[in-house]
Amino acid sequence: MSQIDTLESFFSETIQKMERQFTSHEFFLKLLHSHQSEYVAALASYSDPMPFRKLHCALTECLKKLDGKSITVQQTNYPSRDIFGIASTTTLWRKK
């Protein structure tokens, strides 16, 4: 099982902990907080100058698989602060 698969296995429980509407950034923080060791291992698997960006792109692709099932996309390019507090954009989701 890859590091991404391991994190993806925690998506259902993490989504249950989220507010009805949430951003991808909020989801990443909740996932990180609840599964720190697995998150760090996934980050370490990227030999890239921007491992957070690569990991978050991969996790977003996993979230997209749930669109129309347990969550739905409400808006893309939604204004948000990333996990470092930097102004950015992300996807806004809503639980079903």
C-alpha atoms as a PDB file:
ATOM      1  CA  MET A   1       0.000   0.000   0.000  1.00  0.00           C
ATOM      2  CA  SER A   2       1.382   3.414  -0.944  1.00  0.00           C
ATOM      3  CA  GLN A   3       1.590   6.322   1.482  1.00  0.00           C
ATOM      4  CA  ILE A   4      -1.249   8.049  -0.411  1.00  0.00           C
ATOM      5  CA  ASP A   5      -3.395   4.899  -0.175  1.00  0.00           C
ATOM      6  CA  THR A   6      -2.764   4.820   3.560  1.00  0.00           C
ATOM      7  CA  LEU A   7      -3.905   8.438   3.963  1.00  0.00           C
ATOM      8  CA  GLU A   8      -6.864   7.821   1.650  1.00  0.00           C
ATOM      9  CA  SER A   9      -7.988   5.015   3.953  1.00  0.00           C
ATOM     10  CA  PHE A  10      -8.608   7.711   6.607  1.00  0.00           C
ATOM     11  CA  PHE A  11     -10.749   9.946   4.363  1.00  0.00           C
ATOM     12  CA  SER A  12     -14.135   8.655   5.509  1.00  0.00           C
ATOM     13  CA  GLU A  13     -13.410   9.202   9.206  1.00  0.00           C
ATOM     14  CA  THR A  14     -11.843  12.595   8.463  1.00  0.00           C
ATOM     15  CA  ILE A  15     -14.837  13.740   6.391  1.00  0.00           C
ATOM     16  CA  GLN A  16     -17.124  12.781   9.285  1.00  0.00           C
ATOM     17  CA  LYS A  17     -15.156  15.187  11.530  1.00  0.00           C
ATOM     18  CA  MET A  18     -15.486  18.092   9.092  1.00  0.00           C
ATOM     19  CA  GLU A  19     -18.126  20.829   9.150  1.00  0.00           C
ATOM     20  CA  ARG A  20     -20.874  20.490   6.552  1.00  0.00           C
ATOM     21  CA  GLN A  21     -18.873  22.761   4.205  1.00  0.00           C
ATOM     22  CA  PHE A  22     -15.095  22.635   4.220  1.00  0.00           C
ATOM     23  CA  THR A  23     -12.122  23.497   2.067  1.00  0.00           C
ATOM     24  CA  SER A  24      -9.419  21.138   0.908  1.00  0.00           C
ATOM     25  CA  HIS A  25      -6.998  23.077   3.117  1.00  0.00           C
ATOM     26  CA  GLU A  26      -9.173  22.459   6.190  1.00  0.00           C
ATOM     27  CA  PHE A  27      -9.380  18.789   5.254  1.00  0.00           C
ATOM     28  CA  PHE A  28      -5.587  18.508   4.932  1.00  0.00           C
ATOM     29  CA  LEU A  29      -5.127  20.053   8.386  1.00  0.00           C
ATOM     30  CA  LYS A  30      -7.664  17.701   9.980  1.00  0.00           C
ATOM     31  CA  LEU A  31      -6.056  14.700   8.265  1.00  0.00           C
ATOM     32  CA  LEU A  32      -2.597  15.880   9.357  1.00  0.00           C
ATOM     33  CA  HIS A  33      -3.699  16.408  12.938  1.00  0.00           C
ATOM     34  CA  SER A  34      -5.366  13.000  13.243  1.00  0.00           C
ATOM     35  CA  HIS A  35      -2.736  10.959  11.374  1.00  0.00           C
ATOM     36  CA  GLN A  36       0.558  12.753  11.853  1.00  0.00           C
ATOM     37  CA  SER A  37       2.908   9.802  11.360  1.00  0.00           C
ATOM     38  CA  GLU A  38       1.231   8.696   8.141  1.00  0.00           C
ATOM     39  CA  TYR A  39       1.123  12.275   6.835  1.00  0.00           C
ATOM     40  CA  VAL A  40       4.826  12.815   7.523  1.00  0.00           C
ATOM     41  CA  ALA A  41       5.658   9.490   5.856  1.00  0.00           C
ATOM     42  CA  ALA A  42       3.678  10.544   2.788  1.00  0.00           C
ATOM     43  CA  LEU A  43       5.523  13.889   2.690  1.00  0.00           C
ATOM     44  CA  ALA A  44       8.859  12.109   3.000  1.00  0.00           C
ATOM     45  CA  SER A  45       8.000   9.910   0.019  1.00  0.00           C
ATOM     46  CA  TYR A  46       8.333  12.966  -2.271  1.00  0.00           C
ATOM     47  CA  SER A  47      11.880  13.877  -3.258  1.00  0.00           C
ATOM     48  CA  ASP A  48      10.689  17.191  -4.568  1.00  0.00           C
ATOM     49  CA  PRO A  49      11.456  20.779  -3.579  1.00  0.00           C
ATOM     50  CA  MET A  50       7.731  21.288  -2.844  1.00  0.00           C
ATOM     51  CA  PRO A  51       6.557  18.081  -1.110  1.00  0.00           C
ATOM     52  CA  PHE A  52       3.489  19.700   0.486  1.00  0.00           C
ATOM     53  CA  ARG A  53       2.231  20.883  -2.897  1.00  0.00           C
ATOM     54  CA  LYS A  54       2.786  17.438  -4.464  1.00  0.00           C
ATOM     55  CA  LEU A  55       1.127  15.635  -1.559  1.00  0.00           C
ATOM     56  CA  HIS A  56      -1.834  17.996  -1.481  1.00  0.00           C
ATOM     57  CA  CYS A  57      -2.348  17.638  -5.240  1.00  0.00           C
ATOM     58  CA  ALA A  58      -2.389  13.854  -4.824  1.00  0.00           C
ATOM     59  CA  LEU A  59      -4.805  14.078  -1.885  1.00  0.00           C
ATOM     60  CA  THR A  60      -7.068  16.402  -3.877  1.00  0.00           C
ATOM     61  CA  GLU A  61      -7.220  13.816  -6.655  1.00  0.00           C
ATOM     62  CA  CYS A  62      -8.313  11.263  -4.047  1.00  0.00           C
ATOM     63  CA  LEU A  63     -10.994  13.657  -2.759  1.00  0.00           C
ATOM     64  CA  LYS A  64     -12.292  14.132  -6.306  1.00  0.00           C
ATOM     65  CA  LYS A  65     -13.063  10.389  -6.434  1.00  0.00           C
ATOM     66  CA  LEU A  66     -15.621  11.005  -3.667  1.00  0.00           C
ATOM     67  CA  ASP A  67     -17.364  13.840  -5.551  1.00  0.00           C
ATOM     68  CA  GLY A  68     -21.035  12.910  -5.892  1.00  0.00           C
ATOM     69  CA  LYS A  69     -20.720  10.166  -3.302  1.00  0.00           C
ATOM     70  CA  SER A  70     -19.966  11.358   0.241  1.00  0.00           C
ATOM     71  CA  ILE A  71     -19.043  14.927  -0.753  1.00  0.00           C
ATOM     72  CA  THR A  72     -19.710  17.334  -3.621  1.00  0.00           C
ATOM     73  CA  VAL A  73     -17.685  20.176  -5.084  1.00  0.00           C
ATOM     74  CA  GLN A  74     -19.300  23.506  -4.274  1.00  0.00           C
ATOM     75  CA  GLN A  75     -16.687  25.775  -5.824  1.00  0.00           C
ATOM     76  CA  THR A  76     -13.227  25.545  -7.313  1.00  0.00           C
ATOM     77  CA  ASN A  77     -10.705  28.372  -6.951  1.00  0.00           C
ATOM     78  CA  TYR A  78     -12.281  29.239  -3.603  1.00  0.00           C
ATOM     79  CA  PRO A  79     -10.266  31.845  -1.642  1.00  0.00           C
ATOM     80  CA  SER A  80      -8.530  30.201   1.301  1.00  0.00           C
ATOM     81  CA  ARG A  81      -5.366  30.210   3.338  1.00  0.00           C
ATOM     82  CA  ASP A  82      -3.196  27.150   2.879  1.00  0.00           C
ATOM     83  CA  ILE A  83      -1.881  25.151   5.820  1.00  0.00           C
ATOM     84  CA  PHE A  84       0.934  27.707   6.203  1.00  0.00           C
ATOM     85  CA  GLY A  85      -1.519  30.614   6.382  1.00  0.00           C
ATOM     86  CA  ILE A  86      -0.636  31.925   2.913  1.00  0.00           C
ATOM     87  CA  ALA A  87      -3.472  33.352   0.808  1.00  0.00           C
ATOM     88  CA  SER A  88      -4.338  30.897  -1.923  1.00  0.00           C
ATOM     89  CA  THR A  89      -7.283  29.195  -3.589  1.00  0.00           C
ATOM     90  CA  THR A  90      -8.645  25.706  -3.094  1.00  0.00           C
ATOM     91  CA  THR A  91     -11.790  23.628  -3.545  1.00  0.00           C
ATOM     92  CA  LEU A  92     -14.844  24.121  -1.355  1.00  0.00           C
ATOM     93  CA  TRP A  93     -16.661  20.850  -0.566  1.00  0.00           C
ATOM     94  CA  ARG A  94     -20.004  19.989   1.019  1.00  0.00           C
ATOM     95  CA  LYS A  95     -20.833  16.765   2.792  1.00  0.00           C
ATOM     96  CA  LYS A  96     -23.868  14.880   1.483  1.00  0.00           C
END
